[in-house]
Amino acid sequence: MITLTIILIFSGVTYFFMKKNKENPSVKQHTEERNYTIDERYNAEKVRKQKEVDRILEKISRKGMESLHADEKKLLEDYSKTLK
């Protein structure tokens, strides 16, 4: 009877710690996050804007200018000003 109790307690403690380790990310995982440079962030934003403009231009070619929303027209206008 005592042996069974000890085994149950040991199993419970082992289960508790195994479950706890899976729920909490380790410190090593947090240190692997990448810090992006200013240039990398700038280039990523530039690519994102270009993809958005390309999407809007594709929409114009398929459905015409009338299909654009006001925010899409504003984005194109702002983008064209940056190119000048």
PDB file of N, CA and C in Angstrom:
ATOM      1  N   MET A   1       0.823  -1.190   0.000  1.00  0.00           N
ATOM      2  CA  MET A   1       0.000   0.000   0.000  1.00  0.00           C
ATOM      3  C   MET A   1       0.868   1.255   0.000  1.00  0.00           C
ATOM      4  N   ILE A   2       1.930   1.251   0.793  1.00  0.00           N
ATOM      5  CA  ILE A   2       2.827   2.398   0.851  1.00  0.00           C
ATOM      6  C   ILE A   2       3.551   2.561  -0.487  1.00  0.00           C
ATOM      7  N   THR A   3       3.920   1.457  -1.102  1.00  0.00           N
ATOM      8  CA  THR A   3       4.601   1.502  -2.396  1.00  0.00           C
ATOM      9  C   THR A   3       3.701   2.140  -3.450  1.00  0.00           C
ATOM     10  N   LEU A   4       2.432   1.786  -3.447  1.00  0.00           N
ATOM     11  CA  LEU A   4       1.473   2.353  -4.393  1.00  0.00           C
ATOM     12  C   LEU A   4       1.326   3.851  -4.167  1.00  0.00           C
ATOM     13  N   THR A   5       1.267   4.281  -2.933  1.00  0.00           N
ATOM     14  CA  THR A   5       1.148   5.699  -2.597  1.00  0.00           C
ATOM     15  C   THR A   5       2.379   6.465  -3.081  1.00  0.00           C
ATOM     16  N   ILE A   6       3.556   5.916  -2.869  1.00  0.00           N
ATOM     17  CA  ILE A   6       4.796   6.569  -3.298  1.00  0.00           C
ATOM     18  C   ILE A   6       4.836   6.686  -4.820  1.00  0.00           C
ATOM     19  N   ILE A   7       4.424   5.638  -5.502  1.00  0.00           N
ATOM     20  CA  ILE A   7       4.406   5.663  -6.972  1.00  0.00           C
ATOM     21  C   ILE A   7       3.426   6.715  -7.477  1.00  0.00           C
ATOM     22  N   LEU A   8       2.251   6.803  -6.864  1.00  0.00           N
ATOM     23  CA  LEU A   8       1.260   7.798  -7.270  1.00  0.00           C
ATOM     24  C   LEU A   8       1.773   9.216  -7.033  1.00  0.00           C
ATOM     25  N   ILE A   9       2.400   9.454  -5.895  1.00  0.00           N
ATOM     26  CA  ILE A   9       2.938  10.782  -5.595  1.00  0.00           C
ATOM     27  C   ILE A   9       4.043  11.135  -6.589  1.00  0.00           C
ATOM     28  N   PHE A  10       4.945  10.194  -6.835  1.00  0.00           N
ATOM     29  CA  PHE A  10       6.036  10.422  -7.780  1.00  0.00           C
ATOM     30  C   PHE A  10       5.491  10.707  -9.185  1.00  0.00           C
ATOM     31  N   SER A  11       4.483   9.951  -9.601  1.00  0.00           N
ATOM     32  CA  SER A  11       3.879  10.156 -10.923  1.00  0.00           C
ATOM     33  C   SER A  11       3.227  11.529 -11.011  1.00  0.00           C
ATOM     34  N   GLY A  12       2.532  11.927  -9.954  1.00  0.00           N
ATOM     35  CA  GLY A  12       1.877  13.234  -9.934  1.00  0.00           C
ATOM     36  C   GLY A  12       2.872  14.374 -10.024  1.00  0.00           C
ATOM     37  N   VAL A  13       3.953  14.286  -9.265  1.00  0.00           N
ATOM     38  CA  VAL A  13       4.980  15.329  -9.289  1.00  0.00           C
ATOM     39  C   VAL A  13       5.651  15.383 -10.660  1.00  0.00           C
ATOM     40  N   THR A  14       5.961  14.233 -11.223  1.00  0.00           N
ATOM     41  CA  THR A  14       6.585  14.177 -12.545  1.00  0.00           C
ATOM     42  C   THR A  14       5.659  14.780 -13.599  1.00  0.00           C
ATOM     43  N   TYR A  15       4.400  14.439 -13.568  1.00  0.00           N
ATOM     44  CA  TYR A  15       3.423  14.969 -14.516  1.00  0.00           C
ATOM     45  C   TYR A  15       3.315  16.482 -14.384  1.00  0.00           C
ATOM     46  N   PHE A  16       3.296  16.974 -13.146  1.00  0.00           N
ATOM     47  CA  PHE A  16       3.175  18.406 -12.895  1.00  0.00           C
ATOM     48  C   PHE A  16       4.327  19.169 -13.545  1.00  0.00           C
ATOM     49  N   PHE A  17       5.554  18.697 -13.348  1.00  0.00           N
ATOM     50  CA  PHE A  17       6.703  19.405 -13.893  1.00  0.00           C
ATOM     51  C   PHE A  17       6.812  19.255 -15.406  1.00  0.00           C
ATOM     52  N   MET A  18       6.416  18.132 -15.935  1.00  0.00           N
ATOM     53  CA  MET A  18       6.452  17.957 -17.387  1.00  0.00           C
ATOM     54  C   MET A  18       5.443  18.880 -18.049  1.00  0.00           C
ATOM     55  N   LYS A  19       4.265  18.994 -17.487  1.00  0.00           N
ATOM     56  CA  LYS A  19       3.228  19.858 -18.028  1.00  0.00           C
ATOM     57  C   LYS A  19       3.645  21.319 -17.915  1.00  0.00           C
ATOM     58  N   LYS A  20       4.245  21.696 -16.812  1.00  0.00           N
ATOM     59  CA  LYS A  20       4.664  23.069 -16.585  1.00  0.00           C
ATOM     60  C   LYS A  20       5.719  23.487 -17.609  1.00  0.00           C
ATOM     61  N   ASN A  21       6.648  22.611 -17.944  1.00  0.00           N
ATOM     62  CA  ASN A  21       7.692  22.928 -18.915  1.00  0.00           C
ATOM     63  C   ASN A  21       7.127  23.134 -20.314  1.00  0.00           C
ATOM     64  N   LYS A  22       6.084  22.424 -20.677  1.00  0.00           N
ATOM     65  CA  LYS A  22       5.497  22.563 -22.006  1.00  0.00           C
ATOM     66  C   LYS A  22       4.723  23.865 -22.141  1.00  0.00           C
ATOM     67  N   GLU A  23       4.119  24.347 -21.058  1.00  0.00           N
ATOM     68  CA  GLU A  23       3.306  25.551 -21.122  1.00  0.00           C
ATOM     69  C   GLU A  23       4.145  26.815 -21.179  1.00  0.00           C
ATOM     70  N   ASN A  24       5.292  26.842 -20.540  1.00  0.00           N
ATOM     71  CA  ASN A  24       6.124  28.035 -20.488  1.00  0.00           C
ATOM     72  C   ASN A  24       7.263  27.924 -21.489  1.00  0.00           C
ATOM     73  N   PRO A  25       7.377  28.917 -22.390  1.00  0.00           N
ATOM     74  CA  PRO A  25       8.501  28.862 -23.325  1.00  0.00           C
ATOM     75  C   PRO A  25       9.814  29.066 -22.579  1.00  0.00           C
ATOM     76  N   SER A  26      10.833  28.422 -23.061  1.00  0.00           N
ATOM     77  CA  SER A  26      12.121  28.527 -22.386  1.00  0.00           C
ATOM     78  C   SER A  26      12.787  29.853 -22.714  1.00  0.00           C
ATOM     79  N   VAL A  27      13.756  30.210 -21.927  1.00  0.00           N
ATOM     80  CA  VAL A  27      14.483  31.455 -22.128  1.00  0.00           C
ATOM     81  C   VAL A  27      15.214  31.425 -23.460  1.00  0.00           C
ATOM     82  N   LYS A  28      15.687  30.276 -23.872  1.00  0.00           N
ATOM     83  CA  LYS A  28      16.417  30.147 -25.128  1.00  0.00           C
ATOM     84  C   LYS A  28      15.548  30.560 -26.317  1.00  0.00           C
ATOM     85  N   GLN A  29      14.274  30.239 -26.281  1.00  0.00           N
ATOM     86  CA  GLN A  29      13.388  30.602 -27.378  1.00  0.00           C
ATOM     87  C   GLN A  29      13.266  32.118 -27.494  1.00  0.00           C
ATOM     88  N   HIS A  30      13.245  32.820 -26.372  1.00  0.00           N
ATOM     89  CA  HIS A  30      13.114  34.272 -26.413  1.00  0.00           C
ATOM     90  C   HIS A  30      14.370  34.943 -26.947  1.00  0.00           C
ATOM     91  N   THR A  31      15.526  34.375 -26.695  1.00  0.00           N
ATOM     92  CA  THR A  31      16.760  34.992 -27.170  1.00  0.00           C
ATOM     93  C   THR A  31      16.957  34.791 -28.662  1.00  0.00           C
ATOM     94  N   GLU A  32      16.216  33.886 -29.269  1.00  0.00           N
ATOM     95  CA  GLU A  32      16.357  33.630 -30.697  1.00  0.00           C
ATOM     96  C   GLU A  32      15.545  34.601 -31.546  1.00  0.00           C
ATOM     97  N   GLU A  33      14.737  35.471 -30.921  1.00  0.00           N
ATOM     98  CA  GLU A  33      13.975  36.442 -31.683  1.00  0.00           C
ATOM     99  C   GLU A  33      14.942  37.399 -32.364  1.00  0.00           C
ATOM    100  N   ARG A  34      14.600  37.806 -33.555  1.00  0.00           N
ATOM    101  CA  ARG A  34      15.512  38.623 -34.346  1.00  0.00           C
ATOM    102  C   ARG A  34      15.179  40.089 -34.170  1.00  0.00           C
ATOM    103  N   ASN A  35      16.187  40.892 -33.972  1.00  0.00           N
ATOM    104  CA  ASN A  35      16.037  42.340 -33.963  1.00  0.00           C
ATOM    105  C   ASN A  35      16.395  42.843 -35.351  1.00  0.00           C
ATOM    106  N   TYR A  36      15.439  43.489 -36.002  1.00  0.00           N
ATOM    107  CA  TYR A  36      15.647  43.954 -37.360  1.00  0.00           C
ATOM    108  C   TYR A  36      16.319  45.323 -37.347  1.00  0.00           C
ATOM    109  N   THR A  37      17.186  45.543 -38.313  1.00  0.00           N
ATOM    110  CA  THR A  37      17.853  46.832 -38.426  1.00  0.00           C
ATOM    111  C   THR A  37      16.880  47.841 -39.022  1.00  0.00           C
ATOM    112  N   ILE A  38      17.260  49.098 -38.948  1.00  0.00           N
ATOM    113  CA  ILE A  38      16.423  50.153 -39.515  1.00  0.00           C
ATOM    114  C   ILE A  38      16.272  49.943 -41.019  1.00  0.00           C
ATOM    115  N   ASP A  39      17.358  49.570 -41.670  1.00  0.00           N
ATOM    116  CA  ASP A  39      17.300  49.325 -43.118  1.00  0.00           C
ATOM    117  C   ASP A  39      16.352  48.179 -43.460  1.00  0.00           C
ATOM    118  N   GLU A  40      16.395  47.113 -42.682  1.00  0.00           N
ATOM    119  CA  GLU A  40      15.520  45.963 -42.941  1.00  0.00           C
ATOM    120  C   GLU A  40      14.058  46.341 -42.746  1.00  0.00           C
ATOM    121  N   ARG A  41      13.772  47.122 -41.700  1.00  0.00           N
ATOM    122  CA  ARG A  41      12.386  47.560 -41.478  1.00  0.00           C
ATOM    123  C   ARG A  41      11.926  48.486 -42.595  1.00  0.00           C
ATOM    124  N   TYR A  42      12.806  49.406 -43.015  1.00  0.00           N
ATOM    125  CA  TYR A  42      12.472  50.329 -44.097  1.00  0.00           C
ATOM    126  C   TYR A  42      12.169  49.558 -45.381  1.00  0.00           C
ATOM    127  N   ASN A  43      13.041  48.616 -45.710  1.00  0.00           N
ATOM    128  CA  ASN A  43      12.850  47.823 -46.933  1.00  0.00           C
ATOM    129  C   ASN A  43      11.592  46.969 -46.871  1.00  0.00           C
ATOM    130  N   ALA A  44      11.296  46.404 -45.707  1.00  0.00           N
ATOM    131  CA  ALA A  44      10.081  45.599 -45.557  1.00  0.00           C
ATOM    132  C   ALA A  44       8.840  46.467 -45.740  1.00  0.00           C
ATOM    133  N   GLU A  45       8.865  47.681 -45.196  1.00  0.00           N
ATOM    134  CA  GLU A  45       7.730  48.594 -45.349  1.00  0.00           C
ATOM    135  C   GLU A  45       7.590  49.025 -46.806  1.00  0.00           C
ATOM    136  N   LYS A  46       8.703  49.263 -47.463  1.00  0.00           N
ATOM    137  CA  LYS A  46       8.682  49.643 -48.876  1.00  0.00           C
ATOM    138  C   LYS A  46       8.073  48.529 -49.730  1.00  0.00           C
ATOM    139  N   VAL A  47       8.455  47.302 -49.463  1.00  0.00           N
ATOM    140  CA  VAL A  47       7.910  46.149 -50.190  1.00  0.00           C
ATOM    141  C   VAL A  47       6.421  46.008 -49.913  1.00  0.00           C
ATOM    142  N   ARG A  48       6.017  46.201 -48.651  1.00  0.00           N
ATOM    143  CA  ARG A  48       4.601  46.098 -48.297  1.00  0.00           C
ATOM    144  C   ARG A  48       3.779  47.137 -49.052  1.00  0.00           C
ATOM    145  N   LYS A  49       4.274  48.385 -49.093  1.00  0.00           N
ATOM    146  CA  LYS A  49       3.560  49.448 -49.802  1.00  0.00           C
ATOM    147  C   LYS A  49       3.482  49.147 -51.298  1.00  0.00           C
ATOM    148  N   GLN A  50       4.574  48.657 -51.861  1.00  0.00           N
ATOM    149  CA  GLN A  50       4.593  48.343 -53.289  1.00  0.00           C
ATOM    150  C   GLN A  50       3.588  47.244 -53.621  1.00  0.00           C
ATOM    151  N   LYS A  51       3.481  46.241 -52.763  1.00  0.00           N
ATOM    152  CA  LYS A  51       2.496  45.173 -52.985  1.00  0.00           C
ATOM    153  C   LYS A  51       1.079  45.722 -52.926  1.00  0.00           C
ATOM    154  N   GLU A  52       0.831  46.645 -51.998  1.00  0.00           N
ATOM    155  CA  GLU A  52      -0.497  47.250 -51.886  1.00  0.00           C
ATOM    156  C   GLU A  52      -0.810  48.068 -53.137  1.00  0.00           C
ATOM    157  N   VAL A  53       0.146  48.846 -53.614  1.00  0.00           N
ATOM    158  CA  VAL A  53      -0.051  49.631 -54.837  1.00  0.00           C
ATOM    159  C   VAL A  53      -0.278  48.699 -56.026  1.00  0.00           C
ATOM    160  N   ASP A  54       0.492  47.648 -56.130  1.00  0.00           N
ATOM    161  CA  ASP A  54       0.307  46.676 -57.216  1.00  0.00           C
ATOM    162  C   ASP A  54      -1.083  46.055 -57.176  1.00  0.00           C
ATOM    163  N   ARG A  55      -1.569  45.760 -55.970  1.00  0.00           N
ATOM    164  CA  ARG A  55      -2.910  45.191 -55.826  1.00  0.00           C
ATOM    165  C   ARG A  55      -3.960  46.182 -56.327  1.00  0.00           C
ATOM    166  N   ILE A  56      -3.792  47.461 -55.975  1.00  0.00           N
ATOM    167  CA  ILE A  56      -4.750  48.486 -56.398  1.00  0.00           C
ATOM    168  C   ILE A  56      -4.691  48.676 -57.914  1.00  0.00           C
ATOM    169  N   LEU A  57      -3.501  48.702 -58.478  1.00  0.00           N
ATOM    170  CA  LEU A  57      -3.372  48.852 -59.932  1.00  0.00           C
ATOM    171  C   LEU A  57      -3.979  47.662 -60.674  1.00  0.00           C
ATOM    172  N   GLU A  58      -3.825  46.485 -60.119  1.00  0.00           N
ATOM    173  CA  GLU A  58      -4.447  45.295 -60.713  1.00  0.00           C
ATOM    174  C   GLU A  58      -5.972  45.415 -60.671  1.00  0.00           C
ATOM    175  N   LYS A  59      -6.480  45.940 -59.566  1.00  0.00           N
ATOM    176  CA  LYS A  59      -7.928  46.145 -59.424  1.00  0.00           C
ATOM    177  C   LYS A  59      -8.417  47.151 -60.464  1.00  0.00           C
ATOM    178  N   ILE A  60      -7.638  48.209 -60.700  1.00  0.00           N
ATOM    179  CA  ILE A  60      -8.005  49.203 -61.709  1.00  0.00           C
ATOM    180  C   ILE A  60      -8.035  48.562 -63.094  1.00  0.00           C
ATOM    181  N   SER A  61      -7.055  47.725 -63.387  1.00  0.00           N
ATOM    182  CA  SER A  61      -7.016  47.102 -64.718  1.00  0.00           C
ATOM    183  C   SER A  61      -8.172  46.130 -64.923  1.00  0.00           C
ATOM    184  N   ARG A  62      -8.642  45.508 -63.840  1.00  0.00           N
ATOM    185  CA  ARG A  62      -9.752  44.556 -63.974  1.00  0.00           C
ATOM    186  C   ARG A  62     -11.112  45.242 -63.971  1.00  0.00           C
ATOM    187  N   LYS A  63     -11.305  46.228 -63.053  1.00  0.00           N
ATOM    188  CA  LYS A  63     -12.642  46.781 -62.835  1.00  0.00           C
ATOM    189  C   LYS A  63     -12.768  48.269 -63.134  1.00  0.00           C
ATOM    190  N   GLY A  64     -11.651  48.957 -63.332  1.00  0.00           N
ATOM    191  CA  GLY A  64     -11.693  50.384 -63.626  1.00  0.00           C
ATOM    192  C   GLY A  64     -11.537  51.238 -62.371  1.00  0.00           C
ATOM    193  N   MET A  65     -11.307  52.544 -62.603  1.00  0.00           N
ATOM    194  CA  MET A  65     -11.079  53.489 -61.499  1.00  0.00           C
ATOM    195  C   MET A  65     -12.294  53.620 -60.586  1.00  0.00           C
ATOM    196  N   GLU A  66     -13.482  53.432 -61.142  1.00  0.00           N
ATOM    197  CA  GLU A  66     -14.699  53.606 -60.355  1.00  0.00           C
ATOM    198  C   GLU A  66     -14.812  52.585 -59.228  1.00  0.00           C
ATOM    199  N   SER A  67     -14.094  51.493 -59.348  1.00  0.00           N
ATOM    200  CA  SER A  67     -14.194  50.429 -58.347  1.00  0.00           C
ATOM    201  C   SER A  67     -13.368  50.710 -57.089  1.00  0.00           C
ATOM    202  N   LEU A  68     -12.536  51.749 -57.120  1.00  0.00           N
ATOM    203  CA  LEU A  68     -11.670  52.040 -55.974  1.00  0.00           C
ATOM    204  C   LEU A  68     -12.430  52.737 -54.856  1.00  0.00           C
ATOM    205  N   HIS A  69     -12.035  52.428 -53.630  1.00  0.00           N
ATOM    206  CA  HIS A  69     -12.562  53.131 -52.460  1.00  0.00           C
ATOM    207  C   HIS A  69     -11.746  54.401 -52.264  1.00  0.00           C
ATOM    208  N   ALA A  70     -12.250  55.285 -51.432  1.00  0.00           N
ATOM    209  CA  ALA A  70     -11.575  56.561 -51.188  1.00  0.00           C
ATOM    210  C   ALA A  70     -10.175  56.352 -50.602  1.00  0.00           C
ATOM    211  N   ASP A  71     -10.042  55.396 -49.695  1.00  0.00           N
ATOM    212  CA  ASP A  71      -8.728  55.167 -49.083  1.00  0.00           C
ATOM    213  C   ASP A  71      -7.721  54.618 -50.099  1.00  0.00           C
ATOM    214  N   GLU A  72      -8.199  53.842 -51.068  1.00  0.00           N
ATOM    215  CA  GLU A  72      -7.307  53.326 -52.104  1.00  0.00           C
ATOM    216  C   GLU A  72      -6.853  54.450 -53.033  1.00  0.00           C
ATOM    217  N   LYS A  73      -7.775  55.356 -53.354  1.00  0.00           N
ATOM    218  CA  LYS A  73      -7.413  56.502 -54.188  1.00  0.00           C
ATOM    219  C   LYS A  73      -6.398  57.384 -53.475  1.00  0.00           C
ATOM    220  N   LYS A  74      -6.603  57.586 -52.182  1.00  0.00           N
ATOM    221  CA  LYS A  74      -5.681  58.408 -51.398  1.00  0.00           C
ATOM    222  C   LYS A  74      -4.304  57.760 -51.347  1.00  0.00           C
ATOM    223  N   LEU A  75      -4.260  56.458 -51.172  1.00  0.00           N
ATOM    224  CA  LEU A  75      -2.980  55.759 -51.123  1.00  0.00           C
ATOM    225  C   LEU A  75      -2.224  55.916 -52.438  1.00  0.00           C
ATOM    226  N   LEU A  76      -2.930  55.786 -53.557  1.00  0.00           N
ATOM    227  CA  LEU A  76      -2.284  55.964 -54.863  1.00  0.00           C
ATOM    228  C   LEU A  76      -1.791  57.396 -55.044  1.00  0.00           C
ATOM    229  N   GLU A  77      -2.598  58.353 -54.616  1.00  0.00           N
ATOM    230  CA  GLU A  77      -2.203  59.757 -54.724  1.00  0.00           C
ATOM    231  C   GLU A  77      -0.955  60.037 -53.883  1.00  0.00           C
ATOM    232  N   ASP A  78      -0.946  59.540 -52.654  1.00  0.00           N
ATOM    233  CA  ASP A  78       0.215  59.734 -51.774  1.00  0.00           C
ATOM    234  C   ASP A  78       1.452  59.049 -52.343  1.00  0.00           C
ATOM    235  N   TYR A  79       1.273  57.871 -52.883  1.00  0.00           N
ATOM    236  CA  TYR A  79       2.399  57.125 -53.444  1.00  0.00           C
ATOM    237  C   TYR A  79       2.965  57.841 -54.666  1.00  0.00           C
ATOM    238  N   SER A  80       2.086  58.407 -55.489  1.00  0.00           N
ATOM    239  CA  SER A  80       2.562  59.112 -56.681  1.00  0.00           C
ATOM    240  C   SER A  80       3.343  60.369 -56.294  1.00  0.00           C
ATOM    241  N   LYS A  81       2.991  60.999 -55.176  1.00  0.00           N
ATOM    242  CA  LYS A  81       3.723  62.182 -54.708  1.00  0.00           C
ATOM    243  C   LYS A  81       5.125  61.812 -54.235  1.00  0.00           C
ATOM    244  N   THR A  82       5.286  60.627 -53.678  1.00  0.00           N
ATOM    245  CA  THR A  82       6.613  60.219 -53.206  1.00  0.00           C
ATOM    246  C   THR A  82       7.542  59.891 -54.366  1.00  0.00           C
ATOM    247  N   LEU A  83       6.972  59.570 -55.524  1.00  0.00           N
ATOM    248  CA  LEU A  83       7.789  59.234 -56.686  1.00  0.00           C
ATOM    249  C   LEU A  83       8.323  60.473 -57.396  1.00  0.00           C
ATOM    250  N   LYS A  84       7.696  61.619 -57.163  1.00  0.00           N
ATOM    251  CA  LYS A  84       8.113  62.862 -57.849  1.00  0.00           C
ATOM    252  C   LYS A  84       9.330  63.461 -57.212  1.00  0.00           C
TER     253      LYS A  84
END
